[in-house]
């Protein structure tokens, strides 16, 4: 009877953790104010690749520390070096509502979709794990010359304030760089170091769901997915000494 109760409690906790993560992943941006959330994994723009070989370990993801430079955090800092007519096309850290929390949830979702590890946990529920992943965000921003400056020829629909943009080659930019460490919970030793890293192509085809937040969507759902794909391909072939 006790074992049944323990199993039921474990399943309840696991369900609650999954539910909380799902809520954070699909949290909508607050279009009525200045704060935004990470884009999440919209099926229409998901490009995460399933890795060929799953790592036979359980992983615990911790929140990454935020070490972005001032120009990626504040529009006023970007204005010191960028032309005034381009400032609206950048994403800014000061406009994210819960950057570290949402980035953790987004990373967890992308790792799960790729089938990277046997078990992946993050957030408030701390499941036993073989490895713990920590990271430092060195760069995280997007640049997208969105439909606001190009008239209505890019628009295929309008629901409230949400604008759906047609996929079209646009001037784009941005960089995501996160220094990553994997630590064995058994030995306490770092067993893997790498970077989740990608730069945007000079021109790219991307359809923002909301033109007001095109640069944010481009960073979260395009650049970050490219970075995750490259990172997981390298990680899946690494020889990890988890002892």
Protein backbone atom coordinates (compact mmCIF):
# COMPACT_ATOMS: atom_id res chain seq x y z
CA UNK A 1 0.00 0.00 0.00
CA UNK A 2 2.82 2.37 0.88
CA UNK A 3 4.55 1.71 -2.45
CA UNK A 4 1.31 2.47 -4.31
CA UNK A 5 0.95 5.76 -2.43
CA UNK A 6 4.55 6.71 -3.21
CA UNK A 7 4.04 5.93 -6.90
CA UNK A 8 0.80 7.93 -7.00
CA UNK A 9 2.50 10.90 -5.30
CA UNK A 10 5.42 10.73 -7.74
CA UNK A 11 3.06 10.71 -10.73
CA UNK A 12 1.11 13.66 -9.30
CA UNK A 13 4.31 15.67 -8.84
CA UNK A 14 5.49 14.78 -12.36
CA UNK A 15 2.14 15.81 -13.83
CA UNK A 16 2.22 19.13 -11.93
CA UNK A 17 5.75 19.83 -13.18
CA UNK A 18 4.76 19.10 -16.78
CA UNK A 19 1.67 21.28 -16.47
CA UNK A 20 3.65 24.21 -15.07
CA UNK A 21 6.23 23.92 -17.84
CA UNK A 22 3.52 23.81 -20.48
CA UNK A 23 1.88 26.92 -19.07
CA UNK A 24 5.17 28.80 -19.21
CA UNK A 25 6.02 27.60 -22.72
CA UNK A 26 2.79 28.83 -24.21
CA UNK A 27 2.49 32.00 -22.13
CA UNK A 28 1.32 34.72 -24.50
CA UNK A 29 3.06 38.05 -24.78
CA UNK A 30 1.42 40.95 -23.04
CA UNK A 31 0.64 43.01 -26.14
CA UNK A 32 -0.98 45.71 -24.07
CA UNK A 33 2.21 46.68 -22.25
CA UNK A 34 5.96 46.70 -22.62
CA UNK A 35 6.81 43.25 -21.25
CA UNK A 36 7.03 40.10 -23.35
CA UNK A 37 7.67 36.39 -22.81
CA UNK A 38 9.72 33.97 -24.87
CA UNK A 39 7.97 32.84 -28.02
CA UNK A 40 7.60 29.17 -27.13
CA UNK A 41 7.47 26.27 -29.56
CA UNK A 42 4.81 27.08 -32.13
CA UNK A 43 4.40 23.97 -34.33
CA UNK A 44 4.30 26.15 -37.45
CA UNK A 45 7.84 27.43 -36.88
CA UNK A 46 9.44 24.56 -35.00
CA UNK A 47 12.67 23.37 -36.62
CA UNK A 48 14.11 21.34 -33.75
CA UNK A 49 15.72 18.15 -35.04
CA UNK A 50 15.40 14.80 -33.26
CA UNK A 51 18.91 13.62 -32.44
CA UNK A 52 19.98 10.23 -33.88
CA UNK A 53 21.14 8.80 -30.54
CA UNK A 54 19.58 9.59 -27.18
CA UNK A 55 21.95 10.00 -24.25
CA UNK A 56 21.15 7.32 -21.63
CA UNK A 57 21.15 9.75 -18.70
CA UNK A 58 18.69 11.84 -16.74
CA UNK A 59 19.27 15.60 -16.85
CA UNK A 60 18.40 18.42 -14.50
CA UNK A 61 18.34 21.89 -16.10
CA UNK A 62 19.07 24.88 -13.89
CA UNK A 63 18.34 28.52 -14.69
CA UNK A 64 21.09 30.16 -16.72
CA UNK A 65 22.77 33.26 -15.33
CA UNK A 66 22.24 36.39 -17.41
CA UNK A 67 25.47 38.14 -18.47
CA UNK A 68 24.34 39.98 -21.60
CA UNK A 69 26.03 43.31 -22.49
CA UNK A 70 24.17 46.61 -21.92
CA UNK A 71 23.25 47.16 -25.58
CA UNK A 72 21.32 43.88 -25.60
CA UNK A 73 19.47 44.84 -22.44
CA UNK A 74 18.43 48.46 -23.04
CA UNK A 75 17.32 50.41 -26.07
CA UNK A 76 19.09 53.50 -24.70
CA UNK A 77 22.42 51.62 -24.77
CA UNK A 78 21.85 50.29 -28.30
CA UNK A 79 21.09 53.86 -29.40
CA UNK A 80 24.69 54.87 -28.63
CA UNK A 81 26.02 52.82 -31.58
CA UNK A 82 23.10 51.81 -33.85
CA UNK A 83 21.34 54.08 -36.37
CA UNK A 84 18.14 55.55 -34.95
CA UNK A 85 15.99 54.14 -37.77
CA UNK A 86 16.99 50.56 -36.83
CA UNK A 87 16.33 50.65 -33.06
CA UNK A 88 12.79 49.31 -33.36
CA UNK A 89 14.06 46.19 -35.13
CA UNK A 90 16.07 44.85 -32.17
CA UNK A 91 14.93 42.81 -29.18
CA UNK A 92 15.83 44.16 -25.73
CA UNK A 93 16.29 42.34 -22.46
CA UNK A 94 14.44 45.01 -20.51
CA UNK A 95 11.22 44.06 -22.34
CA UNK A 96 11.19 40.39 -21.34
CA UNK A 97 8.81 39.66 -18.47
CA UNK A 98 10.56 36.58 -17.03
CA UNK A 99 13.61 35.98 -19.20
CA UNK A 100 15.51 33.41 -17.15
CA UNK A 101 12.41 31.42 -16.16
CA UNK A 102 11.04 31.34 -19.71
CA UNK A 103 14.42 30.50 -21.24
CA UNK A 104 14.69 27.54 -18.88
CA UNK A 105 11.24 26.33 -19.91
CA UNK A 106 11.93 26.88 -23.61
CA UNK A 107 15.23 24.97 -23.38
CA UNK A 108 13.51 22.10 -21.59
CA UNK A 109 10.84 21.95 -24.29
CA UNK A 110 13.40 21.93 -27.10
CA UNK A 111 15.53 19.25 -25.40
CA UNK A 112 12.47 17.08 -24.83
CA UNK A 113 11.33 17.42 -28.43
CA UNK A 114 14.80 16.44 -29.67
CA UNK A 115 14.82 13.35 -27.43
CA UNK A 116 18.20 14.38 -26.06
CA UNK A 117 18.09 12.62 -22.67
CA UNK A 118 16.28 9.73 -21.04
CA UNK A 119 14.61 12.05 -18.51
CA UNK A 120 14.72 15.86 -18.38
CA UNK A 121 13.48 17.95 -15.46
CA UNK A 122 13.57 21.63 -14.56
CA UNK A 123 11.64 24.20 -12.59
CA UNK A 124 10.25 23.70 -9.10
CA UNK A 125 10.24 19.89 -9.17
CA UNK A 126 13.74 18.52 -8.64
CA UNK A 127 13.84 14.91 -9.86
CA UNK A 128 16.91 12.71 -9.23
CA UNK A 129 19.35 13.09 -12.13
CA UNK A 130 22.70 11.87 -13.42
CA UNK A 131 23.69 15.26 -14.80
CA UNK A 132 23.03 18.93 -14.01
CA UNK A 133 23.26 21.54 -16.76
CA UNK A 134 24.15 25.13 -15.92
CA UNK A 135 24.90 28.00 -18.25
CA UNK A 136 25.82 31.66 -18.67
CA UNK A 137 23.99 33.76 -21.26
CA UNK A 138 26.62 35.90 -22.97
CA UNK A 139 24.48 37.06 -25.90
CA UNK A 140 20.76 36.79 -26.67
CA UNK A 141 19.08 39.14 -29.13
CA UNK A 142 17.29 39.19 -32.45
CA UNK A 143 16.99 41.71 -35.28
CA UNK A 144 14.15 41.60 -37.79
CA UNK A 145 13.07 44.39 -40.14
CA UNK A 146 9.41 43.59 -39.70
CA UNK A 147 6.20 44.46 -41.47
CA UNK A 148 5.78 47.72 -39.55
CA UNK A 149 8.20 49.44 -41.90
CA UNK A 150 7.27 47.63 -45.11
CA UNK A 151 3.55 48.32 -45.41
CA UNK A 152 0.77 45.77 -45.69
CA UNK A 153 2.24 43.62 -48.45
CA UNK A 154 3.64 41.25 -45.82
CA UNK A 155 0.38 40.77 -43.97
CA UNK A 156 -1.94 37.84 -44.60
CA UNK A 157 -4.17 38.20 -41.55
CA UNK A 158 -5.01 40.42 -38.61
CA UNK A 159 -6.64 39.20 -35.39
CA UNK A 160 -6.90 41.99 -32.83
CA UNK A 161 -3.38 43.37 -32.43
CA UNK A 162 -1.79 40.09 -33.51
CA UNK A 163 -0.39 40.29 -37.02
CA UNK A 164 0.45 37.18 -39.00
CA UNK A 165 3.26 37.90 -41.45
CA UNK A 166 3.76 36.02 -44.69
CA UNK A 167 7.12 34.27 -44.96
CA UNK A 168 9.41 36.54 -46.97
CA UNK A 169 13.15 37.07 -47.18
CA UNK A 170 13.93 39.94 -44.83
CA UNK A 171 17.06 41.59 -43.41
CA UNK A 172 17.69 39.72 -40.17
CA UNK A 173 20.34 39.46 -37.50
CA UNK A 174 21.09 38.47 -33.96
CA UNK A 175 23.31 36.25 -31.87
CA UNK A 176 22.68 33.71 -29.15
CA UNK A 177 25.61 32.44 -27.11
CA UNK A 178 25.26 30.47 -23.88
CA UNK A 179 28.27 28.88 -22.20
CA UNK A 180 27.23 25.44 -20.96
CA UNK A 181 28.55 23.03 -18.32
CA UNK A 182 27.36 19.52 -17.56
CA UNK A 183 28.23 18.27 -14.08
CA UNK A 184 27.95 14.71 -12.82
CA UNK A 185 25.79 14.52 -9.69
CA UNK A 186 27.70 11.43 -8.55
CA UNK A 187 31.26 12.78 -8.73
CA UNK A 188 30.58 16.52 -8.72
CA UNK A 189 32.95 16.88 -11.68
CA UNK A 190 32.33 18.81 -14.89
CA UNK A 191 32.05 16.21 -17.66
CA UNK A 192 31.23 18.44 -20.64
CA UNK A 193 31.68 22.08 -21.66
CA UNK A 194 30.38 23.69 -24.82
CA UNK A 195 28.32 26.59 -26.17
CA UNK A 196 24.76 26.86 -27.38
CA UNK A 197 25.60 29.25 -30.18
CA UNK A 198 24.18 30.57 -33.45
CA UNK A 199 24.15 33.73 -35.53
CA UNK A 200 21.27 34.71 -37.77
CA UNK A 201 21.71 34.53 -41.54
CA UNK A 202 22.09 37.94 -43.19
CA UNK A 203 18.72 37.40 -44.86
CA UNK A 204 16.20 34.82 -43.81
CA UNK A 205 12.63 33.70 -44.47
CA UNK A 206 10.52 33.92 -41.34
CA UNK A 207 6.87 34.70 -40.64
CA UNK A 208 6.34 36.52 -37.33
CA UNK A 209 3.04 35.88 -35.61
CA UNK A 210 3.02 39.43 -34.27
CA UNK A 211 4.85 42.22 -36.08
CA UNK A 212 5.27 44.22 -32.85
CA UNK A 213 7.46 41.42 -31.46
CA UNK A 214 9.07 40.10 -34.64
CA UNK A 215 12.64 40.47 -33.32
CA UNK A 216 11.76 38.54 -30.15
CA UNK A 217 10.05 35.75 -32.07
CA UNK A 218 12.99 35.58 -34.45
CA UNK A 219 15.47 35.18 -31.60
CA UNK A 220 13.40 32.67 -29.63
CA UNK A 221 11.99 30.55 -32.45
CA UNK A 222 14.62 30.79 -35.16
CA UNK A 223 18.10 31.60 -33.86
CA UNK A 224 17.70 29.64 -30.62
CA UNK A 225 16.43 26.58 -32.45
CA UNK A 226 19.41 26.68 -34.81
CA UNK A 227 21.72 26.95 -31.79
CA UNK A 228 20.02 24.07 -29.97
CA UNK A 229 20.22 21.83 -33.05
CA UNK A 230 23.98 22.33 -33.43
CA UNK A 231 24.62 21.94 -29.71
CA UNK A 232 22.65 18.69 -29.35
CA UNK A 233 24.28 17.15 -32.43
CA UNK A 234 27.70 17.64 -30.82
CA UNK A 235 26.52 16.56 -27.38
CA UNK A 236 24.89 13.36 -28.65
CA UNK A 237 28.23 12.15 -30.04
CA UNK A 238 30.30 13.18 -27.01
CA UNK A 239 31.88 10.57 -24.74
CA UNK A 240 30.61 11.59 -21.31
CA UNK A 241 32.35 10.06 -18.31
CA UNK A 242 29.40 10.10 -15.90
CA UNK A 243 30.90 8.32 -12.88
